[in-house]
Amino acid sequence: MAGRLAKTRTWVNVYRARLIDPGLIHPAGHGLAPFTAPYMRDRAQAHEAAARVNRHQKTATRHAADGSS
């Protein structure tokens, strides 16, 4: 998961524990974290999609500002 998120394993473990403690996810093996709360997967996927669009827009704006394509 750390590689997929481009974060350190320590960072992932801290946030994974924060989701496990209140029962939002449960441990299911290396790199897996199934959601227990209804619709939590949908919310996380929507959040990631919005973040991807935001990163793309920032990159496009930066390229337009410096004249690159």
PDB file of N, CA and C in Angstrom:
ATOM      1  N   MET A   1       0.803  -1.189   0.000  1.00  0.00           N
ATOM      2  CA  MET A   1       0.000   0.000   0.000  1.00  0.00           C
ATOM      3  C   MET A   1       0.848   1.256   0.000  1.00  0.00           C
ATOM      4  N   ALA A   2       1.986   1.214   0.674  1.00  0.00           N
ATOM      5  CA  ALA A   2       2.854   2.389   0.744  1.00  0.00           C
ATOM      6  C   ALA A   2       3.277   2.832  -0.650  1.00  0.00           C
ATOM      7  N   GLY A   3       3.662   1.878  -1.493  1.00  0.00           N
ATOM      8  CA  GLY A   3       4.072   2.214  -2.848  1.00  0.00           C
ATOM      9  C   GLY A   3       2.930   2.791  -3.668  1.00  0.00           C
ATOM     10  N   ARG A   4       1.776   2.213  -3.500  1.00  0.00           N
ATOM     11  CA  ARG A   4       0.605   2.681  -4.243  1.00  0.00           C
ATOM     12  C   ARG A   4       0.224   4.104  -3.851  1.00  0.00           C
ATOM     13  N   LEU A   5       0.435   4.440  -2.579  1.00  0.00           N
ATOM     14  CA  LEU A   5       0.102   5.772  -2.090  1.00  0.00           C
ATOM     15  C   LEU A   5       1.279   6.740  -2.162  1.00  0.00           C
ATOM     16  N   ALA A   6       2.437   6.237  -2.544  1.00  0.00           N
ATOM     17  CA  ALA A   6       3.672   7.037  -2.573  1.00  0.00           C
ATOM     18  C   ALA A   6       3.972   7.625  -1.200  1.00  0.00           C
ATOM     19  N   LYS A   7       3.815   6.797  -0.179  1.00  0.00           N
ATOM     20  CA  LYS A   7       4.084   7.182   1.212  1.00  0.00           C
ATOM     21  C   LYS A   7       4.998   6.135   1.833  1.00  0.00           C
ATOM     22  N   THR A   8       5.595   6.482   2.986  1.00  0.00           N
ATOM     23  CA  THR A   8       6.442   5.522   3.681  1.00  0.00           C
ATOM     24  C   THR A   8       5.577   4.475   4.372  1.00  0.00           C
ATOM     25  N   ARG A   9       6.187   3.333   4.685  1.00  0.00           N
ATOM     26  CA  ARG A   9       5.452   2.272   5.395  1.00  0.00           C
ATOM     27  C   ARG A   9       5.015   2.761   6.776  1.00  0.00           C
ATOM     28  N   THR A  10       5.850   3.564   7.412  1.00  0.00           N
ATOM     29  CA  THR A  10       5.502   4.108   8.735  1.00  0.00           C
ATOM     30  C   THR A  10       4.248   4.962   8.642  1.00  0.00           C
ATOM     31  N   TRP A  11       4.188   5.838   7.648  1.00  0.00           N
ATOM     32  CA  TRP A  11       3.027   6.706   7.457  1.00  0.00           C
ATOM     33  C   TRP A  11       1.773   5.864   7.257  1.00  0.00           C
ATOM     34  N   VAL A  12       1.869   4.865   6.391  1.00  0.00           N
ATOM     35  CA  VAL A  12       0.721   3.999   6.110  1.00  0.00           C
ATOM     36  C   VAL A  12       0.289   3.263   7.375  1.00  0.00           C
ATOM     37  N   ASN A  13       1.248   2.744   8.149  1.00  0.00           N
ATOM     38  CA  ASN A  13       0.904   2.004   9.368  1.00  0.00           C
ATOM     39  C   ASN A  13       0.189   2.872  10.390  1.00  0.00           C
ATOM     40  N   VAL A  14       0.612   4.130  10.521  1.00  0.00           N
ATOM     41  CA  VAL A  14      -0.044   5.042  11.471  1.00  0.00           C
ATOM     42  C   VAL A  14      -1.505   5.252  11.075  1.00  0.00           C
ATOM     43  N   TYR A  15      -1.724   5.565   9.804  1.00  0.00           N
ATOM     44  CA  TYR A  15      -3.097   5.840   9.360  1.00  0.00           C
ATOM     45  C   TYR A  15      -3.938   4.570   9.283  1.00  0.00           C
ATOM     46  N   ARG A  16      -3.307   3.455   8.981  1.00  0.00           N
ATOM     47  CA  ARG A  16      -4.026   2.173   8.986  1.00  0.00           C
ATOM     48  C   ARG A  16      -4.544   1.879  10.392  1.00  0.00           C
ATOM     49  N   ALA A  17      -3.688   2.087  11.395  1.00  0.00           N
ATOM     50  CA  ALA A  17      -4.096   1.869  12.789  1.00  0.00           C
ATOM     51  C   ALA A  17      -5.229   2.813  13.180  1.00  0.00           C
ATOM     52  N   ARG A  18      -5.174   4.047  12.687  1.00  0.00           N
ATOM     53  CA  ARG A  18      -6.245   5.011  12.994  1.00  0.00           C
ATOM     54  C   ARG A  18      -7.584   4.589  12.392  1.00  0.00           C
ATOM     55  N   LEU A  19      -7.560   3.847  11.313  1.00  0.00           N
ATOM     56  CA  LEU A  19      -8.800   3.353  10.708  1.00  0.00           C
ATOM     57  C   LEU A  19      -9.260   2.039  11.340  1.00  0.00           C
ATOM     58  N   ILE A  20      -8.307   1.230  11.800  1.00  0.00           N
ATOM     59  CA  ILE A  20      -8.647  -0.047  12.438  1.00  0.00           C
ATOM     60  C   ILE A  20      -9.258   0.188  13.811  1.00  0.00           C
ATOM     61  N   ASP A  21      -8.678   1.092  14.601  1.00  0.00           N
ATOM     62  CA  ASP A  21      -9.139   1.322  15.977  1.00  0.00           C
ATOM     63  C   ASP A  21     -10.639   1.596  16.092  1.00  0.00           C
ATOM     64  N   PRO A  22     -11.202   2.501  15.282  1.00  0.00           N
ATOM     65  CA  PRO A  22     -12.652   2.721  15.388  1.00  0.00           C
ATOM     66  C   PRO A  22     -13.489   1.732  14.584  1.00  0.00           C
ATOM     67  N   GLY A  23     -12.821   0.790  13.917  1.00  0.00           N
ATOM     68  CA  GLY A  23     -13.560  -0.237  13.181  1.00  0.00           C
ATOM     69  C   GLY A  23     -13.972   0.131  11.766  1.00  0.00           C
ATOM     70  N   LEU A  24     -13.325   1.146  11.177  1.00  0.00           N
ATOM     71  CA  LEU A  24     -13.673   1.524   9.808  1.00  0.00           C
ATOM     72  C   LEU A  24     -13.129   0.538   8.790  1.00  0.00           C
ATOM     73  N   ILE A  25     -11.991  -0.097   9.104  1.00  0.00           N
ATOM     74  CA  ILE A  25     -11.427  -1.164   8.275  1.00  0.00           C
ATOM     75  C   ILE A  25     -11.017  -2.289   9.206  1.00  0.00           C
ATOM     76  N   HIS A  26     -10.762  -3.451   8.638  1.00  0.00           N
ATOM     77  CA  HIS A  26     -10.219  -4.541   9.445  1.00  0.00           C
ATOM     78  C   HIS A  26      -9.026  -5.134   8.710  1.00  0.00           C
ATOM     79  N   PRO A  27      -8.013  -5.574   9.459  1.00  0.00           N
ATOM     80  CA  PRO A  27      -6.825  -6.132   8.816  1.00  0.00           C
ATOM     81  C   PRO A  27      -7.171  -7.415   8.074  1.00  0.00           C
ATOM     82  N   ALA A  28      -6.647  -7.536   6.858  1.00  0.00           N
ATOM     83  CA  ALA A  28      -6.967  -8.711   6.054  1.00  0.00           C
ATOM     84  C   ALA A  28      -5.750  -9.246   5.313  1.00  0.00           C
ATOM     85  N   GLY A  29      -4.558  -8.861   5.732  1.00  0.00           N
ATOM     86  CA  GLY A  29      -3.354  -9.351   5.083  1.00  0.00           C
ATOM     87  C   GLY A  29      -2.538  -8.226   4.487  1.00  0.00           C
ATOM     88  N   HIS A  30      -1.377  -8.584   3.992  1.00  0.00           N
ATOM     89  CA  HIS A  30      -0.437  -7.611   3.442  1.00  0.00           C
ATOM     90  C   HIS A  30      -1.044  -6.813   2.293  1.00  0.00           C
ATOM     91  N   GLY A  31      -1.096  -5.490   2.471  1.00  0.00           N
ATOM     92  CA  GLY A  31      -1.598  -4.613   1.424  1.00  0.00           C
ATOM     93  C   GLY A  31      -3.106  -4.553   1.302  1.00  0.00           C
ATOM     94  N   LEU A  32      -3.811  -5.208   2.191  1.00  0.00           N
ATOM     95  CA  LEU A  32      -5.271  -5.235   2.131  1.00  0.00           C
ATOM     96  C   LEU A  32      -5.872  -4.548   3.349  1.00  0.00           C
ATOM     97  N   ALA A  33      -6.962  -3.859   3.157  1.00  0.00           N
ATOM     98  CA  ALA A  33      -7.664  -3.206   4.255  1.00  0.00           C
ATOM     99  C   ALA A  33      -9.132  -3.048   3.881  1.00  0.00           C
ATOM    100  N   PRO A  34      -9.911  -4.117   3.964  1.00  0.00           N
ATOM    101  CA  PRO A  34     -11.335  -4.018   3.611  1.00  0.00           C
ATOM    102  C   PRO A  34     -12.100  -3.058   4.531  1.00  0.00           C
ATOM    103  N   PHE A  35     -12.989  -2.293   3.944  1.00  0.00           N
ATOM    104  CA  PHE A  35     -13.802  -1.364   4.714  1.00  0.00           C
ATOM    105  C   PHE A  35     -14.937  -2.110   5.402  1.00  0.00           C
ATOM    106  N   THR A  36     -15.263  -1.674   6.615  1.00  0.00           N
ATOM    107  CA  THR A  36     -16.380  -2.268   7.334  1.00  0.00           C
ATOM    108  C   THR A  36     -17.602  -1.353   7.313  1.00  0.00           C
ATOM    109  N   ALA A  37     -17.393  -0.051   7.179  1.00  0.00           N
ATOM    110  CA  ALA A  37     -18.498   0.907   7.169  1.00  0.00           C
ATOM    111  C   ALA A  37     -19.161   0.922   5.788  1.00  0.00           C
ATOM    112  N   PRO A  38     -20.482   0.910   5.740  1.00  0.00           N
ATOM    113  CA  PRO A  38     -21.178   0.952   4.455  1.00  0.00           C
ATOM    114  C   PRO A  38     -20.785   2.188   3.643  1.00  0.00           C
ATOM    115  N   TYR A  39     -20.564   2.013   2.372  1.00  0.00           N
ATOM    116  CA  TYR A  39     -20.249   3.077   1.418  1.00  0.00           C
ATOM    117  C   TYR A  39     -18.891   3.751   1.644  1.00  0.00           C
ATOM    118  N   MET A  40     -18.094   3.255   2.589  1.00  0.00           N
ATOM    119  CA  MET A  40     -16.785   3.858   2.837  1.00  0.00           C
ATOM    120  C   MET A  40     -15.871   3.680   1.629  1.00  0.00           C
ATOM    121  N   ARG A  41     -15.923   2.535   0.972  1.00  0.00           N
ATOM    122  CA  ARG A  41     -15.112   2.307  -0.229  1.00  0.00           C
ATOM    123  C   ARG A  41     -15.483   3.322  -1.317  1.00  0.00           C
ATOM    124  N   ASP A  42     -16.784   3.541  -1.523  1.00  0.00           N
ATOM    125  CA  ASP A  42     -17.229   4.502  -2.530  1.00  0.00           C
ATOM    126  C   ASP A  42     -16.705   5.900  -2.218  1.00  0.00           C
ATOM    127  N   ARG A  43     -16.761   6.276  -0.947  1.00  0.00           N
ATOM    128  CA  ARG A  43     -16.286   7.609  -0.529  1.00  0.00           C
ATOM    129  C   ARG A  43     -14.786   7.737  -0.759  1.00  0.00           C
ATOM    130  N   ALA A  44     -14.027   6.710  -0.406  1.00  0.00           N
ATOM    131  CA  ALA A  44     -12.578   6.745  -0.589  1.00  0.00           C
ATOM    132  C   ALA A  44     -12.215   6.810  -2.071  1.00  0.00           C
ATOM    133  N   GLN A  45     -12.920   6.058  -2.901  1.00  0.00           N
ATOM    134  CA  GLN A  45     -12.647   6.077  -4.338  1.00  0.00           C
ATOM    135  C   GLN A  45     -13.005   7.436  -4.945  1.00  0.00           C
ATOM    136  N   ALA A  46     -14.090   8.024  -4.509  1.00  0.00           N
ATOM    137  CA  ALA A  46     -14.472   9.344  -5.010  1.00  0.00           C
ATOM    138  C   ALA A  46     -13.444  10.386  -4.587  1.00  0.00           C
ATOM    139  N   HIS A  47     -12.969  10.273  -3.359  1.00  0.00           N
ATOM    140  CA  HIS A  47     -11.954  11.204  -2.855  1.00  0.00           C
ATOM    141  C   HIS A  47     -10.669  11.079  -3.674  1.00  0.00           C
ATOM    142  N   GLU A  48     -10.240   9.864  -3.955  1.00  0.00           N
ATOM    143  CA  GLU A  48      -9.026   9.644  -4.745  1.00  0.00           C
ATOM    144  C   GLU A  48      -9.190  10.180  -6.158  1.00  0.00           C
ATOM    145  N   ALA A  49     -10.356   9.982  -6.757  1.00  0.00           N
ATOM    146  CA  ALA A  49     -10.601  10.495  -8.109  1.00  0.00           C
ATOM    147  C   ALA A  49     -10.535  12.020  -8.121  1.00  0.00           C
ATOM    148  N   ALA A  50     -11.112  12.663  -7.126  1.00  0.00           N
ATOM    149  CA  ALA A  50     -11.069  14.129  -7.039  1.00  0.00           C
ATOM    150  C   ALA A  50      -9.641  14.616  -6.827  1.00  0.00           C
ATOM    151  N   ALA A  51      -8.873  13.912  -6.017  1.00  0.00           N
ATOM    152  CA  ALA A  51      -7.476  14.287  -5.787  1.00  0.00           C
ATOM    153  C   ALA A  51      -6.663  14.149  -7.064  1.00  0.00           C
ATOM    154  N   ARG A  52      -6.934  13.107  -7.850  1.00  0.00           N
ATOM    155  CA  ARG A  52      -6.237  12.905  -9.119  1.00  0.00           C
ATOM    156  C   ARG A  52      -6.520  14.062 -10.079  1.00  0.00           C
ATOM    157  N   VAL A  53      -7.773  14.483 -10.165  1.00  0.00           N
ATOM    158  CA  VAL A  53      -8.150  15.603 -11.029  1.00  0.00           C
ATOM    159  C   VAL A  53      -7.450  16.873 -10.556  1.00  0.00           C
ATOM    160  N   ASN A  54      -7.433  17.086  -9.252  1.00  0.00           N
ATOM    161  CA  ASN A  54      -6.795  18.271  -8.683  1.00  0.00           C
ATOM    162  C   ASN A  54      -5.302  18.293  -9.014  1.00  0.00           C
ATOM    163  N   ARG A  55      -4.626  17.142  -8.881  1.00  0.00           N
ATOM    164  CA  ARG A  55      -3.198  17.071  -9.219  1.00  0.00           C
ATOM    165  C   ARG A  55      -2.990  17.366 -10.698  1.00  0.00           C
ATOM    166  N   HIS A  56      -3.858  16.836 -11.532  1.00  0.00           N
ATOM    167  CA  HIS A  56      -3.753  17.068 -12.977  1.00  0.00           C
ATOM    168  C   HIS A  56      -3.930  18.554 -13.298  1.00  0.00           C
ATOM    169  N   GLN A  57      -4.897  19.190 -12.667  1.00  0.00           N
ATOM    170  CA  GLN A  57      -5.147  20.614 -12.912  1.00  0.00           C
ATOM    171  C   GLN A  57      -3.959  21.458 -12.462  1.00  0.00           C
ATOM    172  N   LYS A  58      -3.363  21.132 -11.329  1.00  0.00           N
ATOM    173  CA  LYS A  58      -2.196  21.873 -10.844  1.00  0.00           C
ATOM    174  C   LYS A  58      -1.028  21.724 -11.805  1.00  0.00           C
ATOM    175  N   THR A  59      -0.823  20.509 -12.313  1.00  0.00           N
ATOM    176  CA  THR A  59       0.263  20.273 -13.264  1.00  0.00           C
ATOM    177  C   THR A  59       0.022  21.058 -14.546  1.00  0.00           C
ATOM    178  N   ALA A  60      -1.199  21.040 -15.054  1.00  0.00           N
ATOM    179  CA  ALA A  60      -1.521  21.768 -16.284  1.00  0.00           C
ATOM    180  C   ALA A  60      -1.331  23.264 -16.083  1.00  0.00           C
ATOM    181  N   THR A  61      -1.729  23.781 -14.941  1.00  0.00           N
ATOM    182  CA  THR A  61      -1.573  25.207 -14.646  1.00  0.00           C
ATOM    183  C   THR A  61      -0.096  25.571 -14.571  1.00  0.00           C
ATOM    184  N   ARG A  62       0.689  24.736 -13.932  1.00  0.00           N
ATOM    185  CA  ARG A  62       2.128  24.982 -13.803  1.00  0.00           C
ATOM    186  C   ARG A  62       2.783  24.979 -15.180  1.00  0.00           C
ATOM    187  N   HIS A  63       2.421  24.013 -16.026  1.00  0.00           N
ATOM    188  CA  HIS A  63       2.992  23.936 -17.373  1.00  0.00           C
ATOM    189  C   HIS A  63       2.581  25.156 -18.204  1.00  0.00           C
ATOM    190  N   ALA A  64       1.360  25.605 -18.075  1.00  0.00           N
ATOM    191  CA  ALA A  64       0.891  26.783 -18.817  1.00  0.00           C
ATOM    192  C   ALA A  64       1.650  28.028 -18.360  1.00  0.00           C
ATOM    193  N   ALA A  65       1.923  28.112 -17.063  1.00  0.00           N
ATOM    194  CA  ALA A  65       2.617  29.275 -16.520  1.00  0.00           C
ATOM    195  C   ALA A  65       4.063  29.356 -16.973  1.00  0.00           C
ATOM    196  N   ASP A  66       4.719  28.195 -17.105  1.00  0.00           N
ATOM    197  CA  ASP A  66       6.138  28.231 -17.512  1.00  0.00           C
ATOM    198  C   ASP A  66       6.321  27.999 -19.013  1.00  0.00           C
ATOM    199  N   GLY A  67       5.228  27.876 -19.757  1.00  0.00           N
ATOM    200  CA  GLY A  67       5.302  27.766 -21.205  1.00  0.00           C
ATOM    201  C   GLY A  67       5.595  26.373 -21.730  1.00  0.00           C
ATOM    202  N   SER A  68       5.662  25.347 -20.832  1.00  0.00           N
ATOM    203  CA  SER A  68       5.898  23.981 -21.298  1.00  0.00           C
ATOM    204  C   SER A  68       4.569  23.312 -21.608  1.00  0.00           C
ATOM    205  N   SER A  69       4.652  22.163 -22.282  1.00  0.00           N
ATOM    206  CA  SER A  69       3.412  21.459 -22.619  1.00  0.00           C
ATOM    207  C   SER A  69       3.411  20.066 -22.130  1.00  0.00           C
TER     208      SER A  69
END
